[in-house]
């Protein structure tokens, strides 16, 4: 490459010298003429240098067209130079020679290689059975004493299939009547609850919810939507799992002063409560005797009242604007 450039420059210089000598040989011997205007001299010299530049450009263009072996050699040289430059930069930054980069060779996985023993982070901790004790963070709910803030093991207890089928049967009767007669109230029926949420509420209250109450919560976990449109039995608003737990904590806080911090009553409606020991539905704030022998019996009477037009809780069902309303049965 350098040889070709030197040859091109030599040829250009020799050409310029030859042109100069030919011009002098043609000139007659006579007194020197006045010097030509500078503009003409510059024009002629410009033409000469233009010719020289053209010759050099043609020579360089021909030299720059690489042949096959030359192209390969130049590419290898460029790669090598780039690697050296990168290493120089890396050494200037880190102060030491960079480690060589190795390209891994793909290896086919074997059954032994794919069987990896579990790490410590993949170990699932085992729950420890601890008796319910007052929670240490009772201040999370102002006004609720520590005796009403329980924490303990969360255990999902099975529900009797017979009880669950009986509860679902009564809910289907109620749902069918609401869908046909009070569609706006039907839309307020809550989504199914989760067994884990019910078990957590049991752990936080220290009470075991009766099977029929748990089956009902797994069918409809309370109500949703505007309060005026929600389904109710009589004047009783149907509570969800968290509402039942929060209401129990409030009731527990009121009963602490009477020496009864661990009440067995679960508030499922505005007035009605379920006895965790017997499963009876009672209205303890009005009268202590049971109103229904079970939560399932209450749902059954409510379904009968809707289908047959009978009163429940002293009120009769009526519909206005797609909403269920209860009026005085007297």
C-alpha atoms as a PDB file:
ATOM      1  CA  UNK A   1       0.000   0.000   0.000  1.00  0.00           C
ATOM      2  CA  UNK A   2       2.731   2.483   0.954  1.00  0.00           C
ATOM      3  CA  UNK A   3       4.740   1.486  -2.081  1.00  0.00           C
ATOM      4  CA  UNK A   4       1.846   2.342  -4.377  1.00  0.00           C
ATOM      5  CA  UNK A   5       1.471   5.745  -2.748  1.00  0.00           C
ATOM      6  CA  UNK A   6       5.177   6.489  -3.145  1.00  0.00           C
ATOM      7  CA  UNK A   7       5.041   5.433  -6.814  1.00  0.00           C
ATOM      8  CA  UNK A   8       2.063   7.720  -7.389  1.00  0.00           C
ATOM      9  CA  UNK A   9       3.771  10.730  -5.845  1.00  0.00           C
ATOM     10  CA  UNK A  10       7.007  10.053  -7.773  1.00  0.00           C
ATOM     11  CA  UNK A  11       5.082   9.809 -11.040  1.00  0.00           C
ATOM     12  CA  UNK A  12       3.295  13.085 -10.312  1.00  0.00           C
ATOM     13  CA  UNK A  13       6.535  14.897  -9.565  1.00  0.00           C
ATOM     14  CA  UNK A  14       8.258  13.543 -12.679  1.00  0.00           C
ATOM     15  CA  UNK A  15       5.295  14.569 -14.801  1.00  0.00           C
ATOM     16  CA  UNK A  16       5.438  18.114 -13.465  1.00  0.00           C
ATOM     17  CA  UNK A  17       9.189  18.340 -14.139  1.00  0.00           C
ATOM     18  CA  UNK A  18       8.705  17.025 -17.675  1.00  0.00           C
ATOM     19  CA  UNK A  19       6.036  19.577 -18.476  1.00  0.00           C
ATOM     20  CA  UNK A  20       8.273  22.343 -17.189  1.00  0.00           C
ATOM     21  CA  UNK A  21      11.269  21.274 -19.276  1.00  0.00           C
ATOM     22  CA  UNK A  22       9.208  20.981 -22.482  1.00  0.00           C
ATOM     23  CA  UNK A  23       7.937  24.501 -22.075  1.00  0.00           C
ATOM     24  CA  UNK A  24      11.426  25.890 -21.662  1.00  0.00           C
ATOM     25  CA  UNK A  25      12.737  23.995 -24.720  1.00  0.00           C
ATOM     26  CA  UNK A  26      10.085  25.571 -26.993  1.00  0.00           C
ATOM     27  CA  UNK A  27      10.805  29.122 -25.902  1.00  0.00           C
ATOM     28  CA  UNK A  28      13.053  31.170 -28.425  1.00  0.00           C
ATOM     29  CA  UNK A  29      16.246  32.824 -27.234  1.00  0.00           C
ATOM     30  CA  UNK A  30      15.338  36.500 -26.962  1.00  0.00           C
ATOM     31  CA  UNK A  31      15.376  39.184 -24.389  1.00  0.00           C
ATOM     32  CA  UNK A  32      13.226  38.311 -21.554  1.00  0.00           C
ATOM     33  CA  UNK A  33       9.705  39.512 -21.993  1.00  0.00           C
ATOM     34  CA  UNK A  34       7.941  41.401 -19.321  1.00  0.00           C
ATOM     35  CA  UNK A  35       6.489  39.037 -16.733  1.00  0.00           C
ATOM     36  CA  UNK A  36       3.017  37.758 -17.461  1.00  0.00           C
ATOM     37  CA  UNK A  37       0.217  38.817 -15.248  1.00  0.00           C
ATOM     38  CA  UNK A  38       0.023  36.891 -12.056  1.00  0.00           C
ATOM     39  CA  UNK A  39      -3.472  35.766 -12.805  1.00  0.00           C
ATOM     40  CA  UNK A  40      -2.399  33.867 -15.954  1.00  0.00           C
ATOM     41  CA  UNK A  41       0.553  32.263 -14.133  1.00  0.00           C
ATOM     42  CA  UNK A  42      -1.728  31.139 -11.324  1.00  0.00           C
ATOM     43  CA  UNK A  43      -4.141  29.656 -13.831  1.00  0.00           C
ATOM     44  CA  UNK A  44      -1.449  27.582 -15.532  1.00  0.00           C
ATOM     45  CA  UNK A  45      -0.019  26.374 -12.219  1.00  0.00           C
ATOM     46  CA  UNK A  46      -3.499  25.500 -11.054  1.00  0.00           C
ATOM     47  CA  UNK A  47      -3.987  23.332 -14.127  1.00  0.00           C
ATOM     48  CA  UNK A  48      -0.679  21.573 -13.456  1.00  0.00           C
ATOM     49  CA  UNK A  49      -1.536  20.811  -9.872  1.00  0.00           C
ATOM     50  CA  UNK A  50      -5.001  19.689 -10.916  1.00  0.00           C
ATOM     51  CA  UNK A  51      -3.448  17.184 -13.288  1.00  0.00           C
ATOM     52  CA  UNK A  52      -1.092  16.010 -10.531  1.00  0.00           C
ATOM     53  CA  UNK A  53      -3.982  15.651  -8.056  1.00  0.00           C
ATOM     54  CA  UNK A  54      -5.967  13.657 -10.623  1.00  0.00           C
ATOM     55  CA  UNK A  55      -3.076  11.270 -11.182  1.00  0.00           C
ATOM     56  CA  UNK A  56      -2.646  10.790  -7.442  1.00  0.00           C
ATOM     57  CA  UNK A  57      -6.394  10.214  -6.959  1.00  0.00           C
ATOM     58  CA  UNK A  58      -6.544   7.616  -9.728  1.00  0.00           C
ATOM     59  CA  UNK A  59      -3.540   5.812  -8.287  1.00  0.00           C
ATOM     60  CA  UNK A  60      -4.945   5.833  -4.763  1.00  0.00           C
ATOM     61  CA  UNK A  61      -8.379   4.699  -5.982  1.00  0.00           C
ATOM     62  CA  UNK A  62      -6.867   1.761  -7.734  1.00  0.00           C
ATOM     63  CA  UNK A  63      -4.820   0.942  -4.681  1.00  0.00           C
ATOM     64  CA  UNK A  64      -7.842   1.169  -2.350  1.00  0.00           C
ATOM     65  CA  UNK A  65      -9.782  -1.514  -4.210  1.00  0.00           C
ATOM     66  CA  UNK A  66      -8.861  -4.547  -2.142  1.00  0.00           C
ATOM     67  CA  UNK A  67      -8.336  -7.965  -3.529  1.00  0.00           C
ATOM     68  CA  UNK A  68      -9.700 -11.060  -1.805  1.00  0.00           C
ATOM     69  CA  UNK A  69      -6.606 -11.928   0.295  1.00  0.00           C
ATOM     70  CA  UNK A  70      -5.945  -8.262   0.955  1.00  0.00           C
ATOM     71  CA  UNK A  71      -9.478  -7.712   2.301  1.00  0.00           C
ATOM     72  CA  UNK A  72      -9.187 -10.655   4.675  1.00  0.00           C
ATOM     73  CA  UNK A  73      -5.808  -9.446   5.889  1.00  0.00           C
ATOM     74  CA  UNK A  74      -7.080  -5.909   6.453  1.00  0.00           C
ATOM     75  CA  UNK A  75     -10.145  -7.185   8.344  1.00  0.00           C
ATOM     76  CA  UNK A  76      -7.992  -9.253  10.671  1.00  0.00           C
ATOM     77  CA  UNK A  77      -5.720  -6.280  11.241  1.00  0.00           C
ATOM     78  CA  UNK A  78      -8.730  -4.066  12.069  1.00  0.00           C
ATOM     79  CA  UNK A  79     -10.088  -6.616  14.581  1.00  0.00           C
ATOM     80  CA  UNK A  80      -6.702  -6.949  16.230  1.00  0.00           C
ATOM     81  CA  UNK A  81      -6.329  -3.167  16.441  1.00  0.00           C
ATOM     82  CA  UNK A  82      -9.808  -2.840  17.996  1.00  0.00           C
ATOM     83  CA  UNK A  83      -8.986  -5.478  20.613  1.00  0.00           C
ATOM     84  CA  UNK A  84      -5.740  -3.729  21.470  1.00  0.00           C
ATOM     85  CA  UNK A  85      -7.500  -0.382  21.765  1.00  0.00           C
ATOM     86  CA  UNK A  86     -10.184  -1.870  24.061  1.00  0.00           C
ATOM     87  CA  UNK A  87      -7.541  -3.450  26.267  1.00  0.00           C
ATOM     88  CA  UNK A  88      -5.661  -0.168  26.435  1.00  0.00           C
ATOM     89  CA  UNK A  89      -8.799   1.678  27.543  1.00  0.00           C
ATOM     90  CA  UNK A  90      -9.631  -0.987  30.120  1.00  0.00           C
ATOM     91  CA  UNK A  91      -6.142  -0.868  31.569  1.00  0.00           C
ATOM     92  CA  UNK A  92      -6.365   2.882  31.823  1.00  0.00           C
ATOM     93  CA  UNK A  93      -9.658   2.639  33.791  1.00  0.00           C
ATOM     94  CA  UNK A  94      -9.010  -0.302  36.123  1.00  0.00           C
ATOM     95  CA  UNK A  95      -5.252  -0.062  36.372  1.00  0.00           C
ATOM     96  CA  UNK A  96      -4.830  -3.740  35.539  1.00  0.00           C
ATOM     97  CA  UNK A  97      -5.114  -6.004  32.582  1.00  0.00           C
ATOM     98  CA  UNK A  98      -8.682  -7.183  31.937  1.00  0.00           C
ATOM     99  CA  UNK A  99      -9.463 -10.860  32.153  1.00  0.00           C
ATOM    100  CA  UNK A 100      -9.828 -12.506  28.779  1.00  0.00           C
ATOM    101  CA  UNK A 101     -13.374 -13.083  27.583  1.00  0.00           C
ATOM    102  CA  UNK A 102     -14.147 -16.719  26.913  1.00  0.00           C
ATOM    103  CA  UNK A 103     -17.019 -17.914  24.783  1.00  0.00           C
ATOM    104  CA  UNK A 104     -18.710 -20.881  26.512  1.00  0.00           C
ATOM    105  CA  UNK A 105     -19.203 -23.997  24.513  1.00  0.00           C
ATOM    106  CA  UNK A 106     -22.847 -25.161  24.532  1.00  0.00           C
ATOM    107  CA  UNK A 107     -23.305 -28.405  26.429  1.00  0.00           C
ATOM    108  CA  UNK A 108     -26.360 -30.618  26.222  1.00  0.00           C
ATOM    109  CA  UNK A 109     -28.048 -30.901  29.667  1.00  0.00           C
ATOM    110  CA  UNK A 110     -28.078 -34.275  31.277  1.00  0.00           C
ATOM    111  CA  UNK A 111     -30.657 -35.620  33.729  1.00  0.00           C
ATOM    112  CA  UNK A 112     -28.094 -35.454  36.522  1.00  0.00           C
ATOM    113  CA  UNK A 113     -27.348 -31.812  35.780  1.00  0.00           C
ATOM    114  CA  UNK A 114     -31.004 -30.767  35.775  1.00  0.00           C
ATOM    115  CA  UNK A 115     -31.749 -32.330  39.143  1.00  0.00           C
ATOM    116  CA  UNK A 116     -30.787 -29.445  41.411  1.00  0.00           C
ATOM    117  CA  UNK A 117     -31.150 -29.770  45.138  1.00  0.00           C
ATOM    118  CA  UNK A 118     -33.431 -27.105  46.689  1.00  0.00           C
ATOM    119  CA  UNK A 119     -31.706 -24.120  48.232  1.00  0.00           C
ATOM    120  CA  UNK A 120     -32.393 -22.743  51.662  1.00  0.00           C
ATOM    121  CA  UNK A 121     -34.590 -19.969  50.229  1.00  0.00           C
ATOM    122  CA  UNK A 122     -36.954 -22.527  48.722  1.00  0.00           C
ATOM    123  CA  UNK A 123     -37.775 -24.129  52.053  1.00  0.00           C
ATOM    124  CA  UNK A 124     -41.368 -23.427  53.127  1.00  0.00           C
ATOM    125  CA  UNK A 125     -41.620 -22.782  56.861  1.00  0.00           C
ATOM    126  CA  UNK A 126     -43.904 -25.048  58.823  1.00  0.00           C
ATOM    127  CA  UNK A 127     -46.661 -23.392  60.812  1.00  0.00           C
ATOM    128  CA  UNK A 128     -46.287 -23.676  64.551  1.00  0.00           C
ATOM    129  CA  UNK A 129     -49.407 -24.343  66.557  1.00  0.00           C
ATOM    130  CA  UNK A 130     -49.688 -21.562  69.131  1.00  0.00           C
ATOM    131  CA  UNK A 131     -52.669 -21.009  71.394  1.00  0.00           C
ATOM    132  CA  UNK A 132     -54.494 -17.694  70.814  1.00  0.00           C
ATOM    133  CA  UNK A 133     -52.975 -14.942  72.919  1.00  0.00           C
ATOM    134  CA  UNK A 134     -53.633 -11.201  73.143  1.00  0.00           C
ATOM    135  CA  UNK A 135     -51.924  -9.464  70.256  1.00  0.00           C
ATOM    136  CA  UNK A 136     -49.003  -7.224  71.043  1.00  0.00           C
ATOM    137  CA  UNK A 137     -50.224  -4.582  68.573  1.00  0.00           C
ATOM    138  CA  UNK A 138     -53.518  -3.789  70.282  1.00  0.00           C
ATOM    139  CA  UNK A 139     -52.864  -0.087  69.698  1.00  0.00           C
ATOM    140  CA  UNK A 140     -53.636  -0.666  65.996  1.00  0.00           C
ATOM    141  CA  UNK A 141     -57.323  -0.172  66.878  1.00  0.00           C
ATOM    142  CA  UNK A 142     -57.763   2.708  69.334  1.00  0.00           C
ATOM    143  CA  UNK A 143     -60.200   1.930  72.125  1.00  0.00           C
ATOM    144  CA  UNK A 144     -59.973  -1.867  71.696  1.00  0.00           C
ATOM    145  CA  UNK A 145     -58.252  -3.571  74.644  1.00  0.00           C
ATOM    146  CA  UNK A 146     -55.554  -6.178  74.168  1.00  0.00           C
ATOM    147  CA  UNK A 147     -57.909  -8.908  75.405  1.00  0.00           C
ATOM    148  CA  UNK A 148     -60.045  -8.343  72.293  1.00  0.00           C
ATOM    149  CA  UNK A 149     -57.105  -8.382  69.845  1.00  0.00           C
ATOM    150  CA  UNK A 150     -56.249 -12.051  69.497  1.00  0.00           C
ATOM    151  CA  UNK A 151     -53.747 -13.849  67.315  1.00  0.00           C
ATOM    152  CA  UNK A 152     -53.238 -17.551  66.905  1.00  0.00           C
ATOM    153  CA  UNK A 153     -52.837 -20.390  64.426  1.00  0.00           C
ATOM    154  CA  UNK A 154     -54.997 -20.125  61.315  1.00  0.00           C
ATOM    155  CA  UNK A 155     -56.605 -23.490  60.646  1.00  0.00           C
ATOM    156  CA  UNK A 156     -59.062 -24.090  57.804  1.00  0.00           C
ATOM    157  CA  UNK A 157     -61.600 -26.533  59.219  1.00  0.00           C
ATOM    158  CA  UNK A 158     -63.673 -28.738  56.894  1.00  0.00           C
ATOM    159  CA  UNK A 159     -67.411 -28.123  56.567  1.00  0.00           C
ATOM    160  CA  UNK A 160     -69.904 -30.956  56.661  1.00  0.00           C
ATOM    161  CA  UNK A 161     -71.001 -31.618  53.045  1.00  0.00           C
ATOM    162  CA  UNK A 162     -74.559 -32.154  54.259  1.00  0.00           C
ATOM    163  CA  UNK A 163     -74.669 -28.783  56.010  1.00  0.00           C
ATOM    164  CA  UNK A 164     -73.094 -26.984  53.068  1.00  0.00           C
ATOM    165  CA  UNK A 165     -75.572 -28.525  50.621  1.00  0.00           C
ATOM    166  CA  UNK A 166     -78.494 -27.508  52.847  1.00  0.00           C
ATOM    167  CA  UNK A 167     -77.260 -23.901  53.138  1.00  0.00           C
ATOM    168  CA  UNK A 168     -76.665 -23.617  49.379  1.00  0.00           C
ATOM    169  CA  UNK A 169     -80.173 -24.937  48.747  1.00  0.00           C
ATOM    170  CA  UNK A 170     -81.729 -22.101  50.762  1.00  0.00           C
ATOM    171  CA  UNK A 171     -79.489 -19.515  49.099  1.00  0.00           C
ATOM    172  CA  UNK A 172     -80.558 -20.745  45.658  1.00  0.00           C
ATOM    173  CA  UNK A 173     -84.197 -20.173  46.623  1.00  0.00           C
ATOM    174  CA  UNK A 174     -83.399 -16.635  47.804  1.00  0.00           C
ATOM    175  CA  UNK A 175     -81.287 -15.872  44.722  1.00  0.00           C
ATOM    176  CA  UNK A 176     -83.971 -17.108  42.340  1.00  0.00           C
ATOM    177  CA  UNK A 177     -86.659 -14.943  43.970  1.00  0.00           C
ATOM    178  CA  UNK A 178     -84.462 -11.842  43.989  1.00  0.00           C
ATOM    179  CA  UNK A 179     -83.394 -12.347  40.363  1.00  0.00           C
ATOM    180  CA  UNK A 180     -87.023 -12.544  39.222  1.00  0.00           C
ATOM    181  CA  UNK A 181     -88.572  -9.901  41.494  1.00  0.00           C
ATOM    182  CA  UNK A 182     -85.872  -7.549  42.810  1.00  0.00           C
ATOM    183  CA  UNK A 183     -82.966  -7.549  40.325  1.00  0.00           C
ATOM    184  CA  UNK A 184     -81.293  -4.473  41.825  1.00  0.00           C
ATOM    185  CA  UNK A 185     -81.134  -6.138  45.224  1.00  0.00           C
ATOM    186  CA  UNK A 186     -79.990  -9.376  43.593  1.00  0.00           C
ATOM    187  CA  UNK A 187     -77.007  -7.465  42.186  1.00  0.00           C
ATOM    188  CA  UNK A 188     -75.907  -6.595  45.741  1.00  0.00           C
ATOM    189  CA  UNK A 189     -75.236 -10.207  46.759  1.00  0.00           C
ATOM    190  CA  UNK A 190     -71.580 -10.458  47.707  1.00  0.00           C
ATOM    191  CA  UNK A 191     -69.010 -12.657  46.003  1.00  0.00           C
ATOM    192  CA  UNK A 192     -68.087 -16.015  47.560  1.00  0.00           C
ATOM    193  CA  UNK A 193     -65.811 -15.767  50.583  1.00  0.00           C
ATOM    194  CA  UNK A 194     -62.592 -17.684  51.135  1.00  0.00           C
ATOM    195  CA  UNK A 195     -62.086 -20.438  53.642  1.00  0.00           C
ATOM    196  CA  UNK A 196     -58.747 -18.902  54.656  1.00  0.00           C
ATOM    197  CA  UNK A 197     -60.389 -15.547  55.442  1.00  0.00           C
ATOM    198  CA  UNK A 198     -62.977 -17.251  57.632  1.00  0.00           C
ATOM    199  CA  UNK A 199     -60.243 -19.228  59.407  1.00  0.00           C
ATOM    200  CA  UNK A 200     -58.301 -15.997  60.027  1.00  0.00           C
ATOM    201  CA  UNK A 201     -61.386 -14.361  61.580  1.00  0.00           C
ATOM    202  CA  UNK A 202     -61.791 -17.401  63.833  1.00  0.00           C
ATOM    203  CA  UNK A 203     -58.172 -17.088  64.968  1.00  0.00           C
ATOM    204  CA  UNK A 204     -58.572 -13.363  65.645  1.00  0.00           C
ATOM    205  CA  UNK A 205     -61.740 -13.814  67.700  1.00  0.00           C
ATOM    206  CA  UNK A 206     -60.835 -17.082  69.393  1.00  0.00           C
ATOM    207  CA  UNK A 207     -64.200 -18.506  68.299  1.00  0.00           C
ATOM    208  CA  UNK A 208     -65.201 -21.353  66.009  1.00  0.00           C
ATOM    209  CA  UNK A 209     -67.928 -20.282  63.602  1.00  0.00           C
ATOM    210  CA  UNK A 210     -70.710 -22.871  63.176  1.00  0.00           C
ATOM    211  CA  UNK A 211     -70.650 -24.870  59.938  1.00  0.00           C
ATOM    212  CA  UNK A 212     -73.820 -23.324  58.508  1.00  0.00           C
ATOM    213  CA  UNK A 213     -72.530 -19.790  59.112  1.00  0.00           C
ATOM    214  CA  UNK A 214     -69.220 -20.632  57.430  1.00  0.00           C
ATOM    215  CA  UNK A 215     -71.039 -22.271  54.502  1.00  0.00           C
ATOM    216  CA  UNK A 216     -73.161 -19.126  54.068  1.00  0.00           C
ATOM    217  CA  UNK A 217     -70.069 -16.890  54.096  1.00  0.00           C
ATOM    218  CA  UNK A 218     -68.464 -19.076  51.430  1.00  0.00           C
ATOM    219  CA  UNK A 219     -71.607 -18.579  49.298  1.00  0.00           C
ATOM    220  CA  UNK A 220     -71.938 -14.806  49.835  1.00  0.00           C
ATOM    221  CA  UNK A 221     -69.351 -12.900  51.838  1.00  0.00           C
ATOM    222  CA  UNK A 222     -71.646 -10.083  52.910  1.00  0.00           C
ATOM    223  CA  UNK A 223     -73.236  -7.577  50.550  1.00  0.00           C
ATOM    224  CA  UNK A 224     -71.893  -4.862  48.243  1.00  0.00           C
ATOM    225  CA  UNK A 225     -73.078  -1.650  46.622  1.00  0.00           C
ATOM    226  CA  UNK A 226     -75.130   1.223  48.109  1.00  0.00           C
ATOM    227  CA  UNK A 227     -76.532   0.522  51.560  1.00  0.00           C
ATOM    228  CA  UNK A 228     -80.124   1.166  50.470  1.00  0.00           C
ATOM    229  CA  UNK A 229     -79.860  -1.474  47.731  1.00  0.00           C
ATOM    230  CA  UNK A 230     -78.252  -4.229  49.788  1.00  0.00           C
ATOM    231  CA  UNK A 231     -80.054  -7.445  50.582  1.00  0.00           C
ATOM    232  CA  UNK A 232     -81.216  -7.786  54.175  1.00  0.00           C
ATOM    233  CA  UNK A 233     -83.367 -10.188  56.160  1.00  0.00           C
ATOM    234  CA  UNK A 234     -86.030  -8.211  57.907  1.00  0.00           C
ATOM    235  CA  UNK A 235     -84.112  -5.127  58.939  1.00  0.00           C
ATOM    236  CA  UNK A 236     -80.939  -7.136  59.468  1.00  0.00           C
ATOM    237  CA  UNK A 237     -77.982  -6.168  57.300  1.00  0.00           C
ATOM    238  CA  UNK A 238     -76.004  -9.250  56.249  1.00  0.00           C
ATOM    239  CA  UNK A 239     -72.382  -8.883  57.349  1.00  0.00           C
ATOM    240  CA  UNK A 240     -69.241 -10.264  55.725  1.00  0.00           C
ATOM    241  CA  UNK A 241     -66.314 -11.963  57.443  1.00  0.00           C
ATOM    242  CA  UNK A 242     -64.335  -8.817  58.230  1.00  0.00           C
ATOM    243  CA  UNK A 243     -67.436  -6.943  59.365  1.00  0.00           C
ATOM    244  CA  UNK A 244     -68.283  -9.804  61.742  1.00  0.00           C
ATOM    245  CA  UNK A 245     -64.755  -9.772  63.160  1.00  0.00           C
ATOM    246  CA  UNK A 246     -64.650  -5.982  63.581  1.00  0.00           C
ATOM    247  CA  UNK A 247     -68.083  -5.955  65.212  1.00  0.00           C
ATOM    248  CA  UNK A 248     -66.994  -8.701  67.640  1.00  0.00           C
ATOM    249  CA  UNK A 249     -63.992  -6.608  68.651  1.00  0.00           C
ATOM    250  CA  UNK A 250     -66.205  -3.614  69.347  1.00  0.00           C
ATOM    251  CA  UNK A 251     -68.659  -5.721  71.344  1.00  0.00           C
ATOM    252  CA  UNK A 252     -65.767  -7.335  73.224  1.00  0.00           C
ATOM    253  CA  UNK A 253     -64.446  -3.910  74.174  1.00  0.00           C
ATOM    254  CA  UNK A 254     -67.839  -3.009  75.664  1.00  0.00           C
ATOM    255  CA  UNK A 255     -68.123  -6.265  77.601  1.00  0.00           C
ATOM    256  CA  UNK A 256     -64.659  -6.085  79.161  1.00  0.00           C
ATOM    257  CA  UNK A 257     -66.010  -3.807  81.884  1.00  0.00           C
ATOM    258  CA  UNK A 258     -68.647  -6.423  82.739  1.00  0.00           C
ATOM    259  CA  UNK A 259     -65.999  -9.108  83.163  1.00  0.00           C
ATOM    260  CA  UNK A 260     -66.904 -10.921  79.941  1.00  0.00           C
ATOM    261  CA  UNK A 261     -64.025 -10.203  77.486  1.00  0.00           C
ATOM    262  CA  UNK A 262     -64.358 -13.542  75.669  1.00  0.00           C
ATOM    263  CA  UNK A 263     -67.939 -13.431  74.498  1.00  0.00           C
ATOM    264  CA  UNK A 264     -69.196 -16.479  72.617  1.00  0.00           C
ATOM    265  CA  UNK A 265     -71.644 -14.457  70.534  1.00  0.00           C
ATOM    266  CA  UNK A 266     -70.922 -13.584  66.873  1.00  0.00           C
ATOM    267  CA  UNK A 267     -72.845 -10.591  65.499  1.00  0.00           C
ATOM    268  CA  UNK A 268     -74.067 -11.593  62.020  1.00  0.00           C
ATOM    269  CA  UNK A 269     -76.741  -8.884  61.644  1.00  0.00           C
ATOM    270  CA  UNK A 270     -77.734  -5.570  63.118  1.00  0.00           C
ATOM    271  CA  UNK A 271     -79.307  -7.279  66.129  1.00  0.00           C
ATOM    272  CA  UNK A 272     -78.994 -11.021  65.644  1.00  0.00           C
ATOM    273  CA  UNK A 273     -76.018 -12.978  66.911  1.00  0.00           C
ATOM    274  CA  UNK A 274     -74.946 -16.596  66.596  1.00  0.00           C
ATOM    275  CA  UNK A 275     -73.841 -18.466  69.695  1.00  0.00           C
ATOM    276  CA  UNK A 276     -70.516 -20.127  68.888  1.00  0.00           C
ATOM    277  CA  UNK A 277     -71.204 -22.874  71.429  1.00  0.00           C
ATOM    278  CA  UNK A 278     -74.737 -23.900  70.452  1.00  0.00           C
ATOM    279  CA  UNK A 279     -75.116 -22.443  66.952  1.00  0.00           C
ATOM    280  CA  UNK A 280     -78.389 -20.760  67.968  1.00  0.00           C
ATOM    281  CA  UNK A 281     -79.335 -17.441  66.401  1.00  0.00           C
ATOM    282  CA  UNK A 282     -80.274 -15.069  69.211  1.00  0.00           C
ATOM    283  CA  UNK A 283     -81.136 -11.406  69.624  1.00  0.00           C
ATOM    284  CA  UNK A 284     -79.209 -10.783  72.792  1.00  0.00           C
ATOM    285  CA  UNK A 285     -79.729  -7.015  72.794  1.00  0.00           C
ATOM    286  CA  UNK A 286     -83.514  -7.506  72.785  1.00  0.00           C
ATOM    287  CA  UNK A 287     -84.143 -10.935  74.317  1.00  0.00           C
ATOM    288  CA  UNK A 288     -81.729 -13.730  75.191  1.00  0.00           C
ATOM    289  CA  UNK A 289     -83.792 -16.694  73.998  1.00  0.00           C
ATOM    290  CA  UNK A 290     -83.043 -18.192  70.585  1.00  0.00           C
ATOM    291  CA  UNK A 291     -84.973 -16.871  67.592  1.00  0.00           C
ATOM    292  CA  UNK A 292     -83.832 -19.721  65.326  1.00  0.00           C
ATOM    293  CA  UNK A 293     -82.131 -22.955  66.255  1.00  0.00           C
ATOM    294  CA  UNK A 294     -79.441 -22.379  63.596  1.00  0.00           C
ATOM    295  CA  UNK A 295     -78.265 -20.035  60.883  1.00  0.00           C
ATOM    296  CA  UNK A 296     -79.565 -22.501  58.288  1.00  0.00           C
ATOM    297  CA  UNK A 297     -83.030 -22.353  59.871  1.00  0.00           C
ATOM    298  CA  UNK A 298     -82.977 -18.564  59.593  1.00  0.00           C
ATOM    299  CA  UNK A 299     -82.126 -18.743  55.868  1.00  0.00           C
ATOM    300  CA  UNK A 300     -84.890 -21.292  55.324  1.00  0.00           C
ATOM    301  CA  UNK A 301     -87.508 -19.099  57.013  1.00  0.00           C
ATOM    302  CA  UNK A 302     -86.303 -16.123  55.014  1.00  0.00           C
ATOM    303  CA  UNK A 303     -86.660 -18.054  51.741  1.00  0.00           C
ATOM    304  CA  UNK A 304     -90.174 -19.150  52.796  1.00  0.00           C
ATOM    305  CA  UNK A 305     -91.108 -15.560  53.603  1.00  0.00           C
ATOM    306  CA  UNK A 306     -90.014 -14.382  50.149  1.00  0.00           C
ATOM    307  CA  UNK A 307     -91.692 -17.181  48.213  1.00  0.00           C
ATOM    308  CA  UNK A 308     -94.890 -17.356  50.266  1.00  0.00           C
ATOM    309  CA  UNK A 309     -95.279 -13.711  51.293  1.00  0.00           C
ATOM    310  CA  UNK A 310     -95.070 -14.542  55.004  1.00  0.00           C
ATOM    311  CA  UNK A 311     -93.663 -12.041  57.517  1.00  0.00           C
ATOM    312  CA  UNK A 312     -90.249 -12.465  59.090  1.00  0.00           C
ATOM    313  CA  UNK A 313     -89.036 -10.431  62.021  1.00  0.00           C
ATOM    314  CA  UNK A 314     -92.467  -8.834  62.020  1.00  0.00           C
ATOM    315  CA  UNK A 315     -91.971  -7.464  58.483  1.00  0.00           C
ATOM    316  CA  UNK A 316     -93.233  -8.479  55.068  1.00  0.00           C
ATOM    317  CA  UNK A 317     -91.250  -8.320  51.804  1.00  0.00           C
ATOM    318  CA  UNK A 318     -92.253  -5.924  49.047  1.00  0.00           C
ATOM    319  CA  UNK A 319     -90.513  -4.649  45.921  1.00  0.00           C
ATOM    320  CA  UNK A 320     -90.180  -1.057  44.762  1.00  0.00           C
ATOM    321  CA  UNK A 321     -88.097  -0.053  41.760  1.00  0.00           C
ATOM    322  CA  UNK A 322     -86.390  -3.434  41.610  1.00  0.00           C
ATOM    323  CA  UNK A 323     -85.349  -3.167  45.276  1.00  0.00           C
ATOM    324  CA  UNK A 324     -86.416  -5.396  48.141  1.00  0.00           C
ATOM    325  CA  UNK A 325     -88.113  -3.558  50.971  1.00  0.00           C
ATOM    326  CA  UNK A 326     -89.614  -4.762  54.245  1.00  0.00           C
ATOM    327  CA  UNK A 327     -92.819  -3.233  55.622  1.00  0.00           C
ATOM    328  CA  UNK A 328     -94.608  -3.706  58.940  1.00  0.00           C
ATOM    329  CA  UNK A 329     -96.679  -6.862  58.753  1.00  0.00           C
ATOM    330  CA  UNK A 330     -99.363  -5.505  61.109  1.00  0.00           C
END
